[in-house]
N, C-alpha and C. Protein backbone atom coordinates (compact mmCIF):
# COMPACT_ATOMS: atom_id res chain seq x y z
N MET A 1 -29.60 -3.52 10.42
CA MET A 1 -29.67 -4.91 10.81
C MET A 1 -29.30 -4.99 12.28
N ALA A 2 -30.26 -5.15 13.13
CA ALA A 2 -30.04 -5.23 14.56
C ALA A 2 -29.43 -6.58 14.92
N SER A 3 -28.59 -6.58 15.94
CA SER A 3 -27.94 -7.81 16.35
C SER A 3 -28.80 -8.55 17.35
N ASN A 4 -28.76 -9.88 17.24
CA ASN A 4 -29.41 -10.70 18.24
C ASN A 4 -28.66 -12.01 18.35
N GLY A 5 -28.93 -12.77 19.39
CA GLY A 5 -28.26 -14.05 19.57
C GLY A 5 -26.78 -13.90 19.80
N ASN A 6 -26.03 -14.86 19.28
CA ASN A 6 -24.57 -14.87 19.47
C ASN A 6 -23.90 -13.66 18.84
N ALA A 7 -24.40 -13.21 17.70
CA ALA A 7 -23.82 -12.03 17.07
C ALA A 7 -24.00 -10.81 17.97
N GLY A 8 -25.15 -10.72 18.61
CA GLY A 8 -25.41 -9.60 19.53
C GLY A 8 -24.44 -9.60 20.70
N LYS A 9 -24.16 -10.77 21.24
CA LYS A 9 -23.20 -10.88 22.34
C LYS A 9 -21.80 -10.51 21.86
N ALA A 10 -21.45 -10.99 20.68
CA ALA A 10 -20.13 -10.69 20.12
C ALA A 10 -19.98 -9.19 19.87
N VAL A 11 -21.04 -8.54 19.40
CA VAL A 11 -21.01 -7.09 19.17
C VAL A 11 -20.79 -6.36 20.49
N LYS A 12 -21.47 -6.79 21.54
CA LYS A 12 -21.30 -6.14 22.85
C LYS A 12 -19.87 -6.30 23.37
N VAL A 13 -19.34 -7.51 23.27
CA VAL A 13 -17.96 -7.75 23.73
C VAL A 13 -16.97 -6.93 22.90
N ALA A 14 -17.12 -6.98 21.58
CA ALA A 14 -16.23 -6.21 20.70
C ALA A 14 -16.34 -4.72 20.99
N SER A 15 -17.54 -4.25 21.25
CA SER A 15 -17.76 -2.83 21.54
C SER A 15 -17.07 -2.42 22.83
N ILE A 16 -17.12 -3.27 23.84
CA ILE A 16 -16.46 -2.96 25.11
C ILE A 16 -14.95 -2.93 24.93
N ILE A 17 -14.42 -3.91 24.21
CA ILE A 17 -12.97 -3.94 23.95
C ILE A 17 -12.54 -2.68 23.20
N LEU A 18 -13.27 -2.35 22.15
CA LEU A 18 -12.94 -1.14 21.37
C LEU A 18 -13.10 0.12 22.21
N ALA A 19 -14.15 0.18 23.02
CA ALA A 19 -14.37 1.37 23.86
C ALA A 19 -13.19 1.58 24.79
N LEU A 20 -12.72 0.52 25.43
CA LEU A 20 -11.57 0.64 26.33
C LEU A 20 -10.32 1.09 25.57
N LEU A 21 -10.09 0.50 24.42
CA LEU A 21 -8.95 0.87 23.59
C LEU A 21 -9.00 2.34 23.19
N PHE A 22 -10.16 2.78 22.69
CA PHE A 22 -10.24 4.15 22.20
C PHE A 22 -10.31 5.18 23.32
N LEU A 23 -10.90 4.83 24.44
CA LEU A 23 -10.89 5.76 25.57
C LEU A 23 -9.46 5.96 26.07
N LEU A 24 -8.72 4.88 26.22
CA LEU A 24 -7.34 4.97 26.68
C LEU A 24 -6.48 5.75 25.69
N ASN A 25 -6.53 5.37 24.42
CA ASN A 25 -5.70 6.04 23.42
C ASN A 25 -6.14 7.47 23.16
N GLY A 26 -7.45 7.69 23.18
CA GLY A 26 -7.95 9.05 22.97
C GLY A 26 -7.51 10.00 24.06
N VAL A 27 -7.59 9.55 25.31
CA VAL A 27 -7.17 10.39 26.43
C VAL A 27 -5.66 10.64 26.38
N MET A 28 -4.90 9.62 26.00
CA MET A 28 -3.45 9.81 25.86
C MET A 28 -3.14 10.90 24.82
N LYS A 29 -3.86 10.88 23.72
CA LYS A 29 -3.63 11.89 22.68
C LYS A 29 -4.07 13.27 23.16
N LEU A 30 -5.20 13.33 23.85
CA LEU A 30 -5.68 14.62 24.36
C LEU A 30 -4.73 15.20 25.41
N ALA A 31 -4.03 14.32 26.11
CA ALA A 31 -3.07 14.76 27.11
C ALA A 31 -1.73 15.16 26.49
N GLY A 32 -1.63 15.04 25.17
CA GLY A 32 -0.41 15.45 24.47
C GLY A 32 0.73 14.45 24.60
N MET A 33 0.40 13.21 24.89
CA MET A 33 1.43 12.20 25.14
C MET A 33 2.03 11.60 23.87
N MET A 34 1.52 11.98 22.70
CA MET A 34 2.01 11.39 21.47
C MET A 34 2.51 12.42 20.46
N VAL A 35 2.80 13.62 20.92
CA VAL A 35 3.25 14.70 20.03
C VAL A 35 4.50 14.28 19.27
N ASP A 36 5.46 13.72 19.98
CA ASP A 36 6.71 13.31 19.32
C ASP A 36 6.47 12.23 18.28
N GLN A 37 5.61 11.26 18.60
CA GLN A 37 5.33 10.18 17.66
C GLN A 37 4.64 10.70 16.40
N PHE A 38 3.68 11.62 16.58
CA PHE A 38 3.00 12.19 15.42
C PHE A 38 3.99 12.98 14.56
N ALA A 39 4.96 13.65 15.19
CA ALA A 39 5.98 14.38 14.43
C ALA A 39 6.86 13.42 13.63
N ILE A 40 7.22 12.30 14.24
CA ILE A 40 8.02 11.29 13.53
C ILE A 40 7.26 10.80 12.30
N TRP A 41 5.96 10.64 12.44
CA TRP A 41 5.13 10.16 11.32
C TRP A 41 4.87 11.25 10.29
N GLY A 42 5.24 12.49 10.60
CA GLY A 42 5.07 13.59 9.65
C GLY A 42 3.75 14.33 9.77
N TYR A 43 3.08 14.17 10.91
CA TYR A 43 1.80 14.85 11.11
C TYR A 43 2.00 16.04 12.05
N PRO A 44 1.22 17.11 11.85
CA PRO A 44 1.32 18.26 12.76
C PRO A 44 0.78 17.90 14.14
N ALA A 45 1.23 18.60 15.15
CA ALA A 45 0.84 18.31 16.54
C ALA A 45 -0.67 18.38 16.74
N TRP A 46 -1.34 19.34 16.07
CA TRP A 46 -2.78 19.49 16.27
C TRP A 46 -3.56 18.25 15.82
N PHE A 47 -3.00 17.50 14.89
CA PHE A 47 -3.69 16.32 14.37
C PHE A 47 -3.91 15.28 15.46
N GLN A 48 -2.96 15.19 16.38
CA GLN A 48 -3.09 14.28 17.51
C GLN A 48 -4.34 14.60 18.33
N TYR A 49 -4.64 15.88 18.50
CA TYR A 49 -5.79 16.27 19.31
C TYR A 49 -7.11 15.98 18.59
N VAL A 50 -7.13 16.17 17.28
CA VAL A 50 -8.33 15.84 16.50
C VAL A 50 -8.62 14.34 16.61
N ILE A 51 -7.59 13.53 16.42
CA ILE A 51 -7.75 12.08 16.52
C ILE A 51 -8.16 11.71 17.95
N GLY A 52 -7.57 12.36 18.92
CA GLY A 52 -7.90 12.10 20.32
C GLY A 52 -9.35 12.39 20.65
N VAL A 53 -9.88 13.47 20.12
CA VAL A 53 -11.30 13.80 20.34
C VAL A 53 -12.20 12.73 19.72
N VAL A 54 -11.91 12.38 18.47
CA VAL A 54 -12.74 11.37 17.79
C VAL A 54 -12.66 10.03 18.52
N GLU A 55 -11.45 9.62 18.90
CA GLU A 55 -11.31 8.34 19.59
C GLU A 55 -12.02 8.34 20.94
N THR A 56 -11.91 9.42 21.68
CA THR A 56 -12.56 9.49 22.99
C THR A 56 -14.08 9.47 22.84
N LEU A 57 -14.61 10.26 21.93
CA LEU A 57 -16.05 10.27 21.70
C LEU A 57 -16.54 8.91 21.20
N ALA A 58 -15.76 8.29 20.33
CA ALA A 58 -16.12 6.96 19.83
C ALA A 58 -16.10 5.94 20.96
N GLY A 59 -15.12 6.05 21.85
CA GLY A 59 -15.06 5.15 22.99
C GLY A 59 -16.32 5.21 23.83
N VAL A 60 -16.82 6.41 24.05
CA VAL A 60 -18.08 6.57 24.80
C VAL A 60 -19.24 6.06 23.96
N GLY A 61 -19.27 6.42 22.68
CA GLY A 61 -20.37 6.03 21.79
C GLY A 61 -20.49 4.52 21.61
N LEU A 62 -19.39 3.81 21.67
CA LEU A 62 -19.43 2.36 21.51
C LEU A 62 -20.13 1.67 22.67
N LEU A 63 -20.25 2.34 23.79
CA LEU A 63 -20.89 1.74 24.96
C LEU A 63 -22.41 1.86 24.95
N ARG A 64 -22.94 2.65 24.05
CA ARG A 64 -24.40 2.84 23.95
C ARG A 64 -24.89 2.25 22.64
N SER A 65 -25.90 1.42 22.72
CA SER A 65 -26.40 0.77 21.50
C SER A 65 -26.93 1.79 20.49
N SER A 66 -27.46 2.90 20.97
CA SER A 66 -28.03 3.89 20.06
C SER A 66 -26.98 4.66 19.27
N THR A 67 -25.74 4.68 19.74
CA THR A 67 -24.67 5.41 19.05
C THR A 67 -23.55 4.49 18.57
N ARG A 68 -23.71 3.21 18.78
CA ARG A 68 -22.66 2.24 18.48
C ARG A 68 -22.26 2.25 17.01
N PHE A 69 -23.23 2.26 16.10
CA PHE A 69 -22.91 2.23 14.67
C PHE A 69 -22.08 3.45 14.28
N LEU A 70 -22.52 4.63 14.67
CA LEU A 70 -21.81 5.86 14.31
C LEU A 70 -20.40 5.87 14.90
N ALA A 71 -20.27 5.42 16.14
CA ALA A 71 -18.96 5.39 16.79
C ALA A 71 -18.02 4.42 16.07
N ALA A 72 -18.53 3.25 15.75
CA ALA A 72 -17.70 2.26 15.04
C ALA A 72 -17.32 2.77 13.66
N ALA A 73 -18.28 3.37 12.96
CA ALA A 73 -18.00 3.90 11.63
C ALA A 73 -16.98 5.04 11.67
N ALA A 74 -16.99 5.81 12.76
CA ALA A 74 -16.06 6.94 12.88
C ALA A 74 -14.61 6.49 13.03
N VAL A 75 -14.40 5.33 13.66
CA VAL A 75 -13.02 4.89 13.89
C VAL A 75 -12.46 4.05 12.74
N VAL A 76 -13.31 3.61 11.82
CA VAL A 76 -12.82 2.83 10.69
C VAL A 76 -11.76 3.60 9.89
N PRO A 77 -12.02 4.83 9.46
CA PRO A 77 -10.97 5.53 8.70
C PRO A 77 -9.75 5.87 9.56
N ILE A 78 -9.95 6.06 10.85
CA ILE A 78 -8.81 6.34 11.72
C ILE A 78 -7.90 5.12 11.82
N MET A 79 -8.50 3.94 11.97
CA MET A 79 -7.69 2.72 12.05
C MET A 79 -7.05 2.37 10.71
N ALA A 80 -7.77 2.63 9.62
CA ALA A 80 -7.17 2.42 8.30
C ALA A 80 -5.98 3.36 8.13
N GLY A 81 -6.13 4.60 8.57
CA GLY A 81 -5.04 5.56 8.52
C GLY A 81 -3.87 5.15 9.40
N ALA A 82 -4.17 4.57 10.55
CA ALA A 82 -3.11 4.11 11.45
C ALA A 82 -2.31 2.98 10.81
N VAL A 83 -3.01 2.04 10.19
CA VAL A 83 -2.32 0.94 9.49
C VAL A 83 -1.45 1.51 8.38
N PHE A 84 -2.00 2.40 7.57
CA PHE A 84 -1.24 3.03 6.48
C PHE A 84 0.00 3.75 7.02
N THR A 85 -0.19 4.52 8.08
CA THR A 85 0.91 5.28 8.67
C THR A 85 2.03 4.37 9.14
N LEU A 86 1.67 3.29 9.81
CA LEU A 86 2.69 2.37 10.34
C LEU A 86 3.43 1.65 9.21
N VAL A 87 2.72 1.28 8.17
CA VAL A 87 3.38 0.64 7.02
C VAL A 87 4.31 1.63 6.33
N ARG A 88 3.82 2.85 6.11
CA ARG A 88 4.62 3.90 5.46
C ARG A 88 5.87 4.24 6.28
N ALA A 89 5.75 4.17 7.60
CA ALA A 89 6.87 4.51 8.48
C ALA A 89 7.87 3.36 8.62
N GLY A 90 7.55 2.22 7.99
CA GLY A 90 8.44 1.07 8.07
C GLY A 90 8.31 0.29 9.36
N THR A 91 7.20 0.49 10.04
CA THR A 91 6.96 -0.21 11.31
C THR A 91 5.74 -1.12 11.19
N ALA A 92 5.70 -1.86 10.10
CA ALA A 92 4.55 -2.73 9.83
C ALA A 92 4.33 -3.75 10.93
N GLY A 93 5.36 -4.08 11.68
CA GLY A 93 5.21 -5.02 12.79
C GLY A 93 4.30 -4.50 13.89
N GLN A 94 4.01 -3.21 13.88
CA GLN A 94 3.15 -2.61 14.90
C GLN A 94 1.69 -2.49 14.45
N ILE A 95 1.34 -3.07 13.29
CA ILE A 95 -0.02 -2.87 12.78
C ILE A 95 -1.05 -3.81 13.39
N VAL A 96 -0.64 -4.75 14.22
CA VAL A 96 -1.58 -5.75 14.74
C VAL A 96 -2.75 -5.09 15.47
N VAL A 97 -2.47 -4.21 16.42
CA VAL A 97 -3.55 -3.60 17.20
C VAL A 97 -4.49 -2.76 16.33
N PRO A 98 -3.97 -1.82 15.51
CA PRO A 98 -4.91 -1.07 14.68
C PRO A 98 -5.63 -1.94 13.64
N ALA A 99 -4.97 -2.98 13.13
CA ALA A 99 -5.63 -3.86 12.16
C ALA A 99 -6.77 -4.64 12.81
N VAL A 100 -6.52 -5.16 14.01
CA VAL A 100 -7.59 -5.88 14.73
C VAL A 100 -8.71 -4.92 15.10
N ALA A 101 -8.35 -3.71 15.55
CA ALA A 101 -9.37 -2.71 15.88
C ALA A 101 -10.20 -2.35 14.65
N LEU A 102 -9.55 -2.25 13.50
CA LEU A 102 -10.26 -1.97 12.25
C LEU A 102 -11.27 -3.08 11.94
N ILE A 103 -10.83 -4.32 12.05
CA ILE A 103 -11.73 -5.45 11.77
C ILE A 103 -12.88 -5.48 12.76
N LEU A 104 -12.59 -5.27 14.04
CA LEU A 104 -13.65 -5.26 15.05
C LEU A 104 -14.63 -4.10 14.82
N ALA A 105 -14.11 -2.93 14.45
CA ALA A 105 -14.98 -1.79 14.19
C ALA A 105 -15.89 -2.06 12.99
N LEU A 106 -15.35 -2.68 11.96
CA LEU A 106 -16.19 -3.04 10.80
C LEU A 106 -17.27 -4.04 11.20
N PHE A 107 -16.92 -5.02 12.02
CA PHE A 107 -17.88 -6.01 12.52
C PHE A 107 -18.98 -5.33 13.33
N VAL A 108 -18.57 -4.47 14.26
CA VAL A 108 -19.56 -3.77 15.10
C VAL A 108 -20.46 -2.89 14.25
N ALA A 109 -19.89 -2.15 13.32
CA ALA A 109 -20.70 -1.29 12.46
C ALA A 109 -21.69 -2.10 11.64
N LYS A 110 -21.23 -3.20 11.08
CA LYS A 110 -22.11 -4.03 10.26
C LYS A 110 -23.30 -4.57 11.05
N HIS A 111 -23.06 -4.95 12.28
CA HIS A 111 -24.10 -5.59 13.08
C HIS A 111 -24.83 -4.64 14.02
N SER A 112 -24.59 -3.35 13.89
CA SER A 112 -25.22 -2.37 14.77
C SER A 112 -26.21 -1.47 14.06
N ARG A 113 -26.42 -1.66 12.77
CA ARG A 113 -27.34 -0.79 12.02
C ARG A 113 -28.76 -1.20 12.25
């Protein structure tokens, strides 16, 4: 279902917001800036780099209409996992950003097929 009209504009705006978010966070993870946080959450250090690669690639993919659906679909389980992790860690107050990113990614994926 290709986007057009107002939905198309909303998809583009949401895609740009998500791209900036995932490029920033992906690069931070690839730079090893979240090793301690991943350890606190109980994840091995290498997991940060896997997530960083996916987030960075998704950030780039969200900027191209031909790869937007795949990029948005790729971050849905990552954001769901982030929400789960934050709730499990007792830091549910921090779920706003990943929850909004999850909703935006679902919206972009739905309207980008």
